[in-house]
Protein backbone atom coordinates (compact mmCIF):
# COMPACT_ATOMS: atom_id res chain seq x y z
CA UNK A 1 -1.83 5.55 -40.44
CA UNK A 2 -3.90 2.88 -38.48
CA UNK A 3 -6.64 5.72 -37.00
CA UNK A 4 -7.03 9.30 -37.14
CA UNK A 5 -8.88 9.58 -33.84
CA UNK A 6 -9.09 7.69 -31.08
CA UNK A 7 -12.39 5.76 -29.72
CA UNK A 8 -12.83 8.50 -27.09
CA UNK A 9 -12.97 11.60 -28.93
CA UNK A 10 -15.23 11.89 -31.60
CA UNK A 11 -17.87 14.41 -30.48
CA UNK A 12 -21.13 15.84 -32.36
CA UNK A 13 -19.02 18.34 -33.73
CA UNK A 14 -16.83 15.70 -36.02
CA UNK A 15 -20.51 14.69 -37.52
CA UNK A 16 -20.14 14.14 -41.44
CA UNK A 17 -15.88 13.57 -40.55
CA UNK A 18 -14.09 10.78 -42.37
CA UNK A 19 -12.39 8.99 -39.82
CA UNK A 20 -10.19 6.08 -39.12
CA UNK A 21 -10.33 4.25 -36.03
CA UNK A 22 -8.87 0.60 -34.52
CA UNK A 23 -9.00 -0.88 -31.16
CA UNK A 24 -10.84 -4.29 -29.85
CA UNK A 25 -14.47 -5.50 -30.37
CA UNK A 26 -16.06 -5.02 -26.93
CA UNK A 27 -19.67 -6.07 -28.14
CA UNK A 28 -22.12 -6.45 -31.58
CA UNK A 29 -25.65 -6.28 -31.66
CA UNK A 30 -27.34 -7.33 -34.84
CA UNK A 31 -30.54 -6.68 -35.51
CA UNK A 32 -30.53 -8.13 -39.14
CA UNK A 33 -30.93 -5.45 -41.25
CA UNK A 34 -28.67 -3.30 -38.90
CA UNK A 35 -25.29 -4.25 -36.74
CA UNK A 36 -24.29 -2.18 -34.37
CA UNK A 37 -20.36 -2.86 -33.01
CA UNK A 38 -18.82 -1.29 -29.98
CA UNK A 39 -15.11 -0.48 -30.57
CA UNK A 40 -12.91 -0.09 -27.79
CA UNK A 41 -9.53 1.53 -27.24
CA UNK A 42 -7.53 3.02 -24.18
CA UNK A 43 -9.58 6.32 -24.32
CA UNK A 44 -12.89 4.85 -24.34
CA UNK A 45 -15.62 3.22 -26.73
CA UNK A 46 -17.06 4.62 -30.39
CA UNK A 47 -20.10 2.83 -31.76
CA UNK A 48 -20.07 1.71 -35.12
CA UNK A 49 -22.78 1.07 -37.15
CA UNK A 50 -23.85 -1.66 -40.73
CA UNK A 51 -26.76 -0.55 -42.14
CA UNK A 52 -28.01 -2.75 -45.27
CA UNK A 53 -29.27 0.10 -46.71
CA UNK A 54 -26.26 1.91 -46.89
CA UNK A 55 -23.79 -0.94 -46.57
CA UNK A 56 -22.51 -3.89 -48.71
CA UNK A 57 -23.82 -6.96 -48.23
CA UNK A 58 -20.38 -8.67 -48.28
CA UNK A 59 -19.39 -6.18 -45.41
CA UNK A 60 -22.64 -7.02 -43.47
CA UNK A 61 -21.09 -10.67 -43.50
CA UNK A 62 -17.95 -9.45 -42.51
CA UNK A 63 -19.52 -7.60 -39.99
CA UNK A 64 -21.52 -10.60 -38.27
CA UNK A 65 -18.24 -12.80 -38.42
CA UNK A 66 -16.69 -10.12 -35.43
CA UNK A 67 -16.02 -11.87 -32.06
CA UNK A 68 -15.26 -10.36 -28.62
CA UNK A 69 -11.83 -8.87 -28.69
CA UNK A 70 -11.26 -9.01 -32.36
CA UNK A 71 -8.89 -6.11 -33.58
CA UNK A 72 -9.97 -4.27 -36.25
CA UNK A 73 -9.72 -1.00 -37.99
CA UNK A 74 -12.46 0.76 -39.70
CA UNK A 75 -12.70 3.84 -41.70
CA UNK A 76 -16.06 6.15 -42.16
CA UNK A 77 -18.01 8.88 -41.90
CA UNK A 78 -19.27 10.33 -38.52
CA UNK A 79 -22.95 10.49 -38.13
CA UNK A 80 -25.58 11.49 -35.35
CA UNK A 81 -26.76 9.23 -33.31
CA UNK A 82 -30.15 8.11 -32.95
CA UNK A 83 -30.54 6.49 -29.53
CA UNK A 84 -28.17 8.74 -27.87
CA UNK A 85 -26.07 7.30 -24.70
CA UNK A 86 -25.29 10.34 -22.57
CA UNK A 87 -23.13 7.91 -20.22
CA UNK A 88 -20.14 7.90 -22.33
CA UNK A 89 -18.65 11.01 -23.89
CA UNK A 90 -18.81 9.62 -27.68
CA UNK A 91 -22.81 8.93 -26.66
CA UNK A 92 -23.97 11.60 -29.44
CA UNK A 93 -22.05 10.22 -32.74
CA UNK A 94 -21.64 6.97 -34.45
CA UNK A 95 -19.26 5.63 -37.69
CA UNK A 96 -21.53 4.50 -40.60
CA UNK A 97 -18.48 2.22 -41.62
CA UNK A 98 -17.39 1.54 -45.15
CA UNK A 99 -13.98 -0.02 -45.08
CA UNK A 100 -13.62 -2.93 -42.65
CA UNK A 101 -10.16 -4.57 -41.94
CA UNK A 102 -10.06 -7.41 -39.57
CA UNK A 103 -6.01 -6.98 -37.83
CA UNK A 104 -6.26 -10.38 -35.65
CA UNK A 105 -9.10 -12.32 -34.95
CA UNK A 106 -9.14 -13.61 -31.03
CA UNK A 107 -10.46 -16.37 -28.91
CA UNK A 108 -13.65 -15.74 -26.61
CA UNK A 109 -11.92 -14.68 -23.60
CA UNK A 110 -12.05 -16.70 -20.46
CA UNK A 111 -13.91 -13.74 -18.62
CA UNK A 112 -16.02 -11.22 -19.83
CA UNK A 113 -14.06 -7.84 -20.25
CA UNK A 114 -16.13 -5.21 -18.54
CA UNK A 115 -16.06 -3.22 -15.63
CA UNK A 116 -18.30 -5.42 -13.94
CA UNK A 117 -16.79 -8.69 -15.28
CA UNK A 118 -17.67 -12.71 -13.88
CA UNK A 119 -13.63 -13.89 -13.82
CA UNK A 120 -12.25 -13.89 -10.03
CA UNK A 121 -8.77 -12.95 -8.98
CA UNK A 122 -6.72 -16.28 -10.13
CA UNK A 123 -8.23 -16.10 -13.35
CA UNK A 124 -8.06 -12.56 -14.01
CA UNK A 125 -4.23 -13.01 -12.69
CA UNK A 126 -3.61 -15.88 -14.99
CA UNK A 127 -4.42 -13.60 -17.74
CA UNK A 128 -3.75 -10.18 -16.33
CA UNK A 129 -2.79 -9.24 -20.41
CA UNK A 130 -6.80 -8.86 -20.96
CA UNK A 131 -7.57 -7.58 -17.17
CA UNK A 132 -5.68 -4.34 -18.30
CA UNK A 133 -8.27 -4.05 -20.82
CA UNK A 134 -10.86 -3.46 -18.42
CA UNK A 135 -11.32 0.12 -17.07
CA UNK A 136 -10.76 -0.56 -13.53
CA UNK A 137 -7.59 -1.76 -13.60
CA UNK A 138 -6.27 -0.17 -16.89
CA UNK A 139 -7.46 3.52 -14.87
CA UNK A 140 -5.51 2.38 -11.95
CA UNK A 141 -2.33 1.86 -13.99
CA UNK A 142 -2.91 5.64 -15.64
CA UNK A 143 -3.41 7.12 -11.95
CA UNK A 144 -0.20 5.45 -10.99
CA UNK A 145 1.40 7.16 -13.71
CA UNK A 146 -0.46 10.70 -12.79
CA UNK A 147 0.88 10.39 -9.36
CA UNK A 148 4.52 9.30 -10.78
CA UNK A 149 4.51 12.31 -12.71
CA UNK A 150 3.17 14.68 -9.63
CA UNK A 151 5.70 13.56 -7.80
CA UNK A 152 8.86 13.63 -10.18
CA UNK A 153 7.79 17.32 -10.97
CA UNK A 154 7.27 18.52 -7.47
CA UNK A 155 11.01 17.34 -6.06
CA UNK A 156 12.83 17.88 -9.19
CA UNK A 157 11.23 21.65 -8.95
CA UNK A 158 12.73 21.23 -5.84
CA UNK A 159 16.32 20.45 -6.60
CA UNK A 160 16.06 16.94 -5.94
CA UNK A 161 17.88 14.85 -8.56
CA UNK A 162 16.91 11.37 -9.71
CA UNK A 163 19.97 8.79 -9.81
CA UNK A 164 19.71 5.18 -10.53
CA UNK A 165 21.39 2.66 -8.06
CA UNK A 166 22.75 -0.73 -8.83
CA UNK A 167 20.34 -3.39 -8.37
CA UNK A 168 22.60 -6.12 -8.03
CA UNK A 169 24.26 -5.45 -4.74
CA UNK A 170 25.88 -7.45 -1.42
CA UNK A 171 23.91 -9.23 0.94
CA UNK A 172 23.30 -8.10 4.21
CA UNK A 173 22.27 -9.92 7.06
CA UNK A 174 19.47 -7.02 8.97
CA UNK A 175 16.28 -6.56 7.94
CA UNK A 176 14.39 -8.87 5.68
CA UNK A 177 15.94 -12.37 3.89
CA UNK A 178 17.55 -11.15 0.32
CA UNK A 179 16.83 -12.40 -2.88
CA UNK A 180 20.34 -13.64 -3.93
CA UNK A 181 21.33 -14.23 -7.31
CA UNK A 182 24.64 -16.49 -8.12
CA UNK A 183 27.47 -14.97 -10.13
CA UNK A 184 28.55 -17.23 -13.09
CA UNK A 185 31.85 -15.21 -13.16
CA UNK A 186 32.37 -15.66 -9.29
CA UNK A 187 31.60 -18.86 -8.41
CA UNK A 188 30.27 -19.56 -4.94
CA UNK A 189 29.71 -15.75 -4.59
CA UNK A 190 25.85 -14.29 -4.69
CA UNK A 191 24.60 -10.64 -5.80
CA UNK A 192 21.43 -10.06 -3.54
CA UNK A 193 18.38 -7.83 -5.34
CA UNK A 194 17.91 -4.19 -2.82
CA UNK A 195 15.98 -4.32 0.12
CA UNK A 196 15.97 -0.36 -0.90
CA UNK A 197 18.63 1.81 -1.95
CA UNK A 198 19.90 2.68 1.55
CA UNK A 199 23.82 2.87 1.38
CA UNK A 200 24.02 3.89 -2.25
CA UNK A 201 21.75 6.70 -1.31
CA UNK A 202 23.85 7.72 1.62
CA UNK A 203 26.49 7.67 -0.31
CA UNK A 204 25.44 9.99 -2.99
CA UNK A 205 25.37 12.24 -0.04
CA UNK A 206 28.93 11.88 1.10
CA UNK A 207 29.38 12.39 -3.29
CA UNK A 208 28.06 16.30 -2.23
CA UNK A 209 24.75 15.13 -4.50
CA UNK A 210 22.97 16.83 -2.02
CA UNK A 211 19.07 15.81 -2.82
CA UNK A 212 18.54 12.65 -4.52
CA UNK A 213 15.39 11.00 -4.87
CA UNK A 214 14.88 7.12 -7.28
CA UNK A 215 11.58 5.35 -8.38
CA UNK A 216 12.91 2.47 -7.74
CA UNK A 217 12.50 -1.11 -7.32
CA UNK A 218 13.11 -3.04 -4.48
CA UNK A 219 12.94 -6.87 -2.96
CA UNK A 220 12.55 -8.56 0.12
CA UNK A 221 11.85 -12.65 0.43
CA UNK A 222 9.75 -12.75 2.98
CA UNK A 223 6.33 -14.66 4.10
CA UNK A 224 3.94 -12.57 2.12
CA UNK A 225 0.71 -11.08 3.44
CA UNK A 226 -2.69 -10.91 1.57
CA UNK A 227 -1.56 -7.10 0.69
CA UNK A 228 2.24 -7.18 0.47
CA UNK A 229 4.43 -8.07 -2.80
CA UNK A 230 8.11 -9.74 -3.02
CA UNK A 231 8.85 -6.90 -5.45
CA UNK A 232 7.71 -3.03 -4.82
CA UNK A 233 8.34 0.57 -5.65
CA UNK A 234 9.77 3.26 -3.77
CA UNK A 235 9.76 6.70 -4.07
CA UNK A 236 13.24 7.08 -2.56
CA UNK A 237 14.67 10.24 -1.08
CA UNK A 238 17.84 11.61 0.26
CA UNK A 239 19.13 14.78 1.79
CA UNK A 240 22.40 16.59 3.18
CA UNK A 241 22.37 19.61 6.11
CA UNK A 242 19.11 18.85 7.06
CA UNK A 243 17.82 18.21 10.27
CA UNK A 244 14.46 16.53 10.89
CA UNK A 245 11.79 19.32 10.39
CA UNK A 246 13.34 20.06 7.50
CA UNK A 247 12.60 16.61 6.07
CA UNK A 248 8.83 16.57 7.28
CA UNK A 249 8.78 19.63 5.52
CA UNK A 250 9.41 18.40 2.24
CA UNK A 251 7.74 15.47 2.56
CA UNK A 252 4.65 17.12 4.24
CA UNK A 253 4.55 19.27 0.99
CA UNK A 254 4.52 16.53 -1.26
CA UNK A 255 1.78 14.87 0.51
CA UNK A 256 -0.47 18.48 0.01
CA UNK A 257 0.63 18.79 -3.53
CA UNK A 258 -0.64 15.37 -4.36
CA UNK A 259 -3.89 15.45 -2.81
CA UNK A 260 -3.94 19.03 -4.18
CA UNK A 261 -3.82 18.52 -7.83
CA UNK A 262 -5.45 15.07 -7.82
CA UNK A 263 -8.33 15.05 -5.48
CA UNK A 264 -8.47 18.89 -4.94
CA UNK A 265 -8.49 18.44 -1.62
CA UNK A 266 -6.49 21.01 0.79
CA UNK A 267 -4.92 19.22 3.80
CA UNK A 268 -3.43 21.80 6.46
CA UNK A 269 -3.09 20.08 9.74
CA UNK A 270 -0.09 17.07 9.82
CA UNK A 271 -0.77 16.07 13.47
CA UNK A 272 2.60 14.43 14.83
CA UNK A 273 2.71 11.89 17.74
CA UNK A 274 5.09 9.62 19.50
CA UNK A 275 5.27 6.27 19.00
CA UNK A 276 4.43 5.56 22.84
CA UNK A 277 1.53 7.80 22.41
CA UNK A 278 0.49 5.71 19.31
CA UNK A 279 0.67 2.55 21.00
CA UNK A 280 -1.34 3.82 24.19
CA UNK A 281 -3.70 5.50 22.36
CA UNK A 282 -4.45 2.97 19.25
CA UNK A 283 -2.64 0.03 19.97
CA UNK A 284 -0.63 0.46 16.67
CA UNK A 285 2.38 2.70 14.93
CA UNK A 286 0.59 3.52 12.13
CA UNK A 287 -3.38 4.71 13.23
CA UNK A 288 -6.25 5.81 11.13
CA UNK A 289 -7.10 8.94 12.85
CA UNK A 290 -10.27 9.62 10.94
CA UNK A 291 -12.37 8.20 13.52
CA UNK A 292 -12.03 8.42 17.10
CA UNK A 293 -12.10 5.15 19.59
CA UNK A 294 -9.03 6.55 21.40
CA UNK A 295 -8.21 3.57 24.13
CA UNK A 296 -8.67 4.29 27.46
CA UNK A 297 -6.90 2.32 29.86
CA UNK A 298 -8.85 1.31 32.69
CA UNK A 299 -6.49 -0.69 35.14
CA UNK A 300 -7.07 2.14 38.04
CA UNK A 301 -10.65 1.94 37.30
CA UNK A 302 -11.26 -2.28 36.73
CA UNK A 303 -8.57 -3.52 39.43
CA UNK A 304 -10.33 -2.70 42.43
CA UNK A 305 -13.13 -5.25 42.88
CA UNK A 306 -13.17 -9.16 42.51
CA UNK A 307 -13.14 -9.70 38.80
CA UNK A 308 -10.23 -11.50 38.79
CA UNK A 309 -9.94 -11.20 35.06
CA UNK A 310 -8.86 -7.73 35.43
CA UNK A 311 -6.78 -8.18 38.56
CA UNK A 312 -4.70 -10.66 37.11
CA UNK A 313 -4.22 -8.86 33.72
CA UNK A 314 -1.00 -6.56 33.35
CA UNK A 315 -3.39 -4.19 30.83
CA UNK A 316 -7.49 -3.25 31.23
CA UNK A 317 -8.07 -1.45 28.10
CA UNK A 318 -11.40 -0.03 26.17
CA UNK A 319 -12.54 1.53 23.70
CA UNK A 320 -16.43 4.05 23.09
CA UNK A 321 -18.09 2.56 19.96
CA UNK A 322 -20.44 5.61 18.80
CA UNK A 323 -23.92 5.01 19.09
CA UNK A 324 -23.44 1.02 19.54
CA UNK A 325 -25.34 0.70 23.11
CA UNK A 326 -28.43 -0.89 20.76
CA UNK A 327 -26.81 -3.49 19.63
CA UNK A 328 -28.66 -6.70 20.96
CA UNK A 329 -27.12 -9.42 22.60
CA UNK A 330 -26.42 -11.45 19.69
CA UNK A 331 -24.42 -8.83 17.49
CA UNK A 332 -22.60 -8.29 20.94
CA UNK A 333 -21.81 -12.37 20.74
CA UNK A 334 -20.87 -11.89 17.46
CA UNK A 335 -18.00 -9.36 17.99
CA UNK A 336 -16.77 -11.64 21.18
CA UNK A 337 -16.97 -14.43 18.65
CA UNK A 338 -14.68 -11.99 16.56
CA UNK A 339 -12.07 -11.20 18.52
CA UNK A 340 -11.94 -14.75 20.06
CA UNK A 341 -10.39 -16.13 16.41
CA UNK A 342 -7.17 -17.34 16.07
CA UNK A 343 -6.29 -14.29 14.03
CA UNK A 344 -7.43 -11.93 16.95
CA UNK A 345 -6.24 -14.34 19.83
CA UNK A 346 -8.54 -12.49 22.65
CA UNK A 347 -9.66 -15.18 25.28
CA UNK A 348 -13.11 -13.10 26.05
CA UNK A 349 -14.17 -9.46 26.48
CA UNK A 350 -16.18 -7.77 28.54
CA UNK A 351 -18.96 -4.64 27.52
CA UNK A 352 -21.02 -2.08 28.85
CA UNK A 353 -24.13 -0.35 27.37
CA UNK A 354 -24.15 3.78 28.46
CA UNK A 355 -28.18 3.95 28.50
CA UNK A 356 -29.61 7.31 26.86
CA UNK A 357 -31.41 7.57 30.33
CA UNK A 358 -27.64 8.10 32.18
CA UNK A 359 -27.19 4.53 33.75
CA UNK A 360 -24.83 1.89 32.69
CA UNK A 361 -25.24 -1.85 32.13
CA UNK A 362 -22.38 -4.15 31.87
CA UNK A 363 -21.52 -7.97 31.45
CA UNK A 364 -19.84 -8.15 34.77
CA UNK A 365 -22.58 -6.21 36.56
CA UNK A 366 -22.38 -8.40 39.65
CA UNK A 367 -18.87 -6.94 40.32
CA UNK A 368 -19.17 -3.18 39.42
CA UNK A 369 -21.59 -0.85 40.51
CA UNK A 370 -23.02 2.82 38.91
CA UNK A 371 -20.12 4.57 40.07
CA UNK A 372 -17.61 2.19 38.90
CA UNK A 373 -19.10 2.16 35.04
CA UNK A 374 -19.44 6.17 35.18
CA UNK A 375 -15.57 6.22 35.58
CA UNK A 376 -15.47 3.58 32.92
CA UNK A 377 -17.76 6.03 30.87
CA UNK A 378 -15.03 9.01 31.86
CA UNK A 379 -11.85 7.13 30.81
CA UNK A 380 -12.73 5.64 27.42
CA UNK A 381 -14.96 9.07 26.25
CA UNK A 382 -17.79 7.33 25.81
CA UNK A 383 -21.31 9.60 25.92
CA UNK A 384 -24.74 7.93 26.12
CA UNK A 385 -25.94 5.73 23.63
CA UNK A 386 -22.07 4.31 23.14
CA UNK A 387 -21.21 0.75 23.94
CA UNK A 388 -17.97 0.55 25.39
CA UNK A 389 -15.68 -2.78 24.48
CA UNK A 390 -13.01 -4.12 27.33
CA UNK A 391 -9.89 -6.49 26.77
CA UNK A 392 -7.14 -7.61 29.51
CA UNK A 393 -4.30 -9.34 29.33
CA UNK A 394 -0.54 -8.91 28.75
CA UNK A 395 -0.02 -5.03 27.71
CA UNK A 396 1.31 -6.05 24.05
CA UNK A 397 -1.07 -8.60 22.88
CA UNK A 398 -3.92 -6.98 24.50
CA UNK A 399 -3.60 -3.64 22.33
CA UNK A 400 -2.87 -5.07 18.88
CA UNK A 401 -6.53 -6.98 19.58
CA UNK A 402 -7.57 -4.23 20.45
CA UNK A 403 -6.62 -1.95 17.99
CA UNK A 404 -8.15 -4.96 15.21
CA UNK A 405 -11.02 -4.60 17.19
CA UNK A 406 -11.43 -0.93 16.38
CA UNK A 407 -10.21 -1.09 13.19
CA UNK A 408 -12.90 -3.66 12.24
CA UNK A 409 -15.79 -1.41 14.21
CA UNK A 410 -14.93 1.32 12.26
CA UNK A 411 -15.03 -0.56 8.78
CA UNK A 412 -18.17 -1.98 9.64
CA UNK A 413 -19.28 1.41 10.98
CA UNK A 414 -19.00 3.16 7.61
CA UNK A 415 -15.87 5.60 9.52
CA UNK A 416 -13.00 4.87 6.91
CA UNK A 417 -14.10 6.76 4.05
CA UNK A 418 -12.09 6.57 0.77
CA UNK A 419 -12.16 10.07 0.00
CA UNK A 420 -11.41 11.48 3.14
CA UNK A 421 -7.39 11.91 4.19
CA UNK A 422 -5.79 12.00 7.69
CA UNK A 423 -2.40 12.02 7.32
CA UNK A 424 -0.26 11.72 11.04
CA UNK A 425 3.71 11.57 11.84
CA UNK A 426 4.22 9.13 13.84
CA UNK A 427 8.17 10.24 15.50
CA UNK A 428 10.72 8.94 18.00
CA UNK A 429 10.87 5.06 17.73
CA UNK A 430 12.55 2.84 19.51
CA UNK A 431 16.14 2.85 17.76
CA UNK A 432 16.26 -1.15 18.76
CA UNK A 433 14.01 -4.09 19.10
CA UNK A 434 15.12 -7.42 21.18
CA UNK A 435 14.15 -10.74 18.89
CA UNK A 436 14.23 -13.92 21.32
CA UNK A 437 14.86 -16.01 18.30
CA UNK A 438 18.13 -14.52 18.00
CA UNK A 439 18.58 -13.62 21.96
CA UNK A 440 20.08 -10.24 20.44
CA UNK A 441 18.54 -6.30 19.49
CA UNK A 442 18.06 -5.63 16.06
CA UNK A 443 17.71 -2.11 14.77
CA UNK A 444 13.45 -1.48 14.32
CA UNK A 445 14.44 0.60 11.20
CA UNK A 446 17.89 -0.02 9.61
CA UNK A 447 21.52 -0.02 11.23
CA UNK A 448 22.18 3.71 10.28
CA UNK A 449 19.59 4.98 11.97
CA UNK A 450 20.78 7.82 14.42
CA UNK A 451 19.55 7.82 17.88
CA UNK A 452 18.31 10.93 19.85
CA UNK A 453 21.35 13.06 21.25
CA UNK A 454 19.89 12.79 24.24
CA UNK A 455 19.45 8.70 24.73
CA UNK A 456 23.45 8.00 23.37
CA UNK A 457 24.28 7.71 27.03
CA UNK A 458 21.63 4.40 27.65
CA UNK A 459 22.93 2.33 24.77
CA UNK A 460 25.34 0.40 27.26
CA UNK A 461 23.15 0.33 30.45
CA UNK A 462 19.27 0.36 29.03
CA UNK A 463 19.29 -0.45 24.88
CA UNK A 464 16.02 -0.91 24.80
CA UNK A 465 14.96 2.54 25.98
CA UNK A 466 16.73 4.69 23.18
CA UNK A 467 14.76 6.55 20.93
CA UNK A 468 15.52 6.85 17.10
CA UNK A 469 15.42 10.18 15.07
CA UNK A 470 12.82 8.32 12.78
CA UNK A 471 9.63 8.99 11.93
CA UNK A 472 6.89 7.50 9.47
CA UNK A 473 4.01 9.19 7.45
CA UNK A 474 0.44 7.79 8.12
CA UNK A 475 -2.05 7.97 5.72
CA UNK A 476 -5.33 6.70 6.57
CA UNK A 477 -3.93 3.82 8.90
CA UNK A 478 -1.66 2.80 6.63
CA UNK A 479 2.28 3.54 6.70
CA UNK A 480 2.85 5.49 3.41
CA UNK A 481 6.49 6.66 4.26
CA UNK A 482 8.85 6.31 6.58
CA UNK A 483 12.64 7.33 6.89
CA UNK A 484 15.05 9.15 9.64
CA UNK A 485 18.11 11.25 9.88
CA UNK A 486 20.89 9.00 9.13
CA UNK A 487 24.20 8.22 11.56
CA UNK A 488 26.58 9.98 9.41
CA UNK A 489 30.10 9.32 11.85
CA UNK A 490 32.27 6.42 11.84
CA UNK A 491 32.79 6.54 15.63
CA UNK A 492 28.45 6.76 16.24
CA UNK A 493 28.22 3.77 13.56
CA UNK A 494 30.62 1.66 15.06
CA UNK A 495 28.74 1.92 18.60
CA UNK A 496 25.61 0.99 16.76
CA UNK A 497 26.85 -1.99 14.91
CA UNK A 498 28.37 -2.91 18.12
CA UNK A 499 25.10 -3.15 19.51
CA UNK A 500 23.89 -5.04 17.47
CA UNK A 501 25.96 -7.97 17.69
CA UNK A 502 28.11 -7.29 15.31
CA UNK A 503 32.14 -7.78 15.70
CA UNK A 504 34.57 -4.86 14.64
CA UNK A 505 35.47 -7.39 11.68
CA UNK A 506 31.95 -8.37 10.78
CA UNK A 507 30.55 -4.74 10.39
CA UNK A 508 34.47 -3.88 8.68
CA UNK A 509 33.08 -6.92 6.31
CA UNK A 510 29.31 -6.18 5.76
CA UNK A 511 29.45 -2.47 5.86
CA UNK A 512 33.39 -1.15 5.66
CA UNK A 513 32.80 0.47 2.32
CA UNK A 514 30.34 2.95 4.39
CA UNK A 515 32.33 3.37 7.00
CA UNK A 516 35.09 4.01 5.09
CA UNK A 517 33.27 6.78 3.21
CA UNK A 518 32.26 8.72 6.38
CA UNK A 519 36.42 9.29 6.86
CA UNK A 520 35.95 11.51 4.14
CA UNK A 521 33.90 14.10 5.41
CA UNK A 522 30.21 12.77 5.53
CA UNK A 523 27.73 15.85 5.52
CA UNK A 524 24.87 15.37 8.12
CA UNK A 525 21.83 13.94 6.01
CA UNK A 526 18.95 12.15 5.96
CA UNK A 527 15.68 10.87 4.09
CA UNK A 528 12.26 9.16 3.50
CA UNK A 529 11.20 6.82 1.18
CA UNK A 530 7.39 6.45 0.38
CA UNK A 531 5.84 3.16 -0.63
CA UNK A 532 4.36 4.30 -4.42
CA UNK A 533 1.94 1.32 -4.34
CA UNK A 534 0.37 1.49 -0.86
CA UNK A 535 0.80 5.62 -1.62
CA UNK A 536 -1.38 5.51 -5.33
CA UNK A 537 -3.83 2.58 -4.15
CA UNK A 538 -4.66 5.18 -0.82
CA UNK A 539 -5.01 8.48 -3.32
CA UNK A 540 -6.82 6.41 -5.53
CA UNK A 541 -9.49 5.35 -2.52
CA UNK A 542 -8.58 1.77 -2.00
CA UNK A 543 -6.30 -0.25 0.31
CA UNK A 544 -5.46 -3.49 -2.37
CA UNK A 545 -2.67 -2.43 -4.09
CA UNK A 546 -2.71 -5.24 -6.86
CA UNK A 547 -4.87 -3.27 -9.32
CA UNK A 548 -2.05 -0.59 -9.60
CA UNK A 549 0.86 -2.75 -10.53
CA UNK A 550 1.03 -3.97 -14.09
CA UNK A 551 1.51 -7.73 -13.40
CA UNK A 552 1.65 -8.65 -9.62
CA UNK A 553 2.33 -11.47 -7.88
CA UNK A 554 -0.41 -13.80 -5.73
CA UNK A 555 -0.41 -14.47 -2.07
CA UNK A 556 2.25 -17.25 -2.39
CA UNK A 557 4.71 -14.66 -4.27
CA UNK A 558 4.08 -16.58 -7.81
CA UNK A 559 3.36 -15.21 -10.80
CA UNK A 560 0.58 -17.12 -12.56
CA UNK A 561 1.01 -15.42 -15.87
CA UNK A 562 4.33 -16.55 -16.81
CA UNK A 563 4.34 -19.45 -14.48
CA UNK A 564 7.26 -18.11 -12.13
CA UNK A 565 9.39 -19.15 -10.04
CA UNK A 566 10.32 -21.87 -12.08
CA UNK A 567 12.72 -24.62 -12.23
CA UNK A 568 15.96 -24.44 -14.01
CA UNK A 569 17.97 -26.76 -16.29
CA UNK A 570 20.85 -28.67 -15.60
CA UNK A 571 23.67 -26.91 -17.99
CA UNK A 572 22.18 -23.40 -16.11
CA UNK A 573 23.09 -24.80 -12.71
CA UNK A 574 26.52 -26.55 -13.68
CA UNK A 575 27.71 -23.04 -15.39
CA UNK A 576 26.43 -21.39 -11.95
CA UNK A 577 28.36 -23.88 -10.06
CA UNK A 578 25.37 -24.44 -7.86
CA UNK A 579 23.80 -28.20 -6.64
CA UNK A 580 19.91 -28.02 -5.62
CA UNK A 581 19.16 -29.75 -2.68
CA UNK A 582 15.70 -29.79 -1.76
CA UNK A 583 14.35 -30.61 1.21
CA UNK A 584 11.44 -32.50 1.80
């Protein structure tokens, strides 16, 4: 037996016990006549003591030879610690060692394996197996396990059945790019890795399973952003014989359960707004509602004077920044520079201070009088002491710019507290969105989303106005889940494919298996998928997902630890009937 106890469980009640421990050497302190070693495993740290008065010379020498991260086993007696450390659970005791076995020596690690490390992110990703030994990463992975267990328990108690669906599937043209896998036994043909199990979970509903879930890996070969991974995990769910309200209630319940179980927080309100409202009030479809600064549209209040910048703009829109009228000109100029960065792209910004005495001072005083500025305050909800910031230009672009500014200010003002949770449903998304590159409409979610019944007649005349029976669950400004009521009849599905630009033959080739299944009695069904990585990160008080993934990729989609992706040799290429043609 390598250990009788772990390194986090011994207490004062264990004094005088003979124990066996195993773990890694965190650090050692040699005072000549006495050596202390901190022994670490997943569960905690126990201090070991080697004492000249009670330990033979050979053992003392061996203890002095221990380096950081050596793997050792010890046997000894639990004794009371003279200098107690009440910051750790084992801080009242130490183990007087009478037997030491070095199980494995270790090189000096490339960074310090402590909570506050000297290793940069790139270095820690290269040696991820060492980074996992650090409490912040280890605890994040344990936290992820806890969340997934709670999800499984909650859904299983509601009669959801966990079913695995295939990883090697057929490539489809909708959505992001697929990762493709060549088939050796079928030369010139390819599998794709699933972007989601969408069609399979619908087929499970046709199969009568009624309630399905799966915690599943998904893959998208798309351009990466700072906090996006090419492989990610979904909590994928589907239900039969339901309406939208049934799905919202189930997953409100799951969210409540997680917040209560993990943080002992009771959430009673799940506000609902439409996509159009979200864009008008916040400039994006996943707004953070933990704070205000809702948009105020100022066209009517600002386009009646000789200020041409506003007069020629499609949209003039502003926000009231709480208690920021005291900002200096230097601080405001810094904000103007921030919105003019290429990442935001604004050409400038107008401001108006709502002074404590009830007067207003703006950067465009020569064009607007106090009555005009008072109207701006009314529209944006500004009060005395607030600062109104205004952008103008093309509607969609300007809303996105102001949304970015709103979030930046909220971060600077400390309005986005990680221990505060504010869920929100965003409903009634557009069914279709126009793509200038391809010159046709694409499904905003996926081609199996049901249109609102009352909007189906618009598909032929005004397809851009058709609303989807779709919904996203937003938490703290992040989309954590999304889903829809699905199309469950062949005729409506064929109509949808038509408006997405598929010929009948193309639709049959790509999705014939699903449309054929609908002919055998598909029940009304719908579902939702949570992004597990992001959900866990937000519940853990962070927005960066990497520490909650055991072996993440970097921003370029590379695993720098195993150096993947990598080339394969010509023999493998020949076996797969592939010829490399690398451009540029």
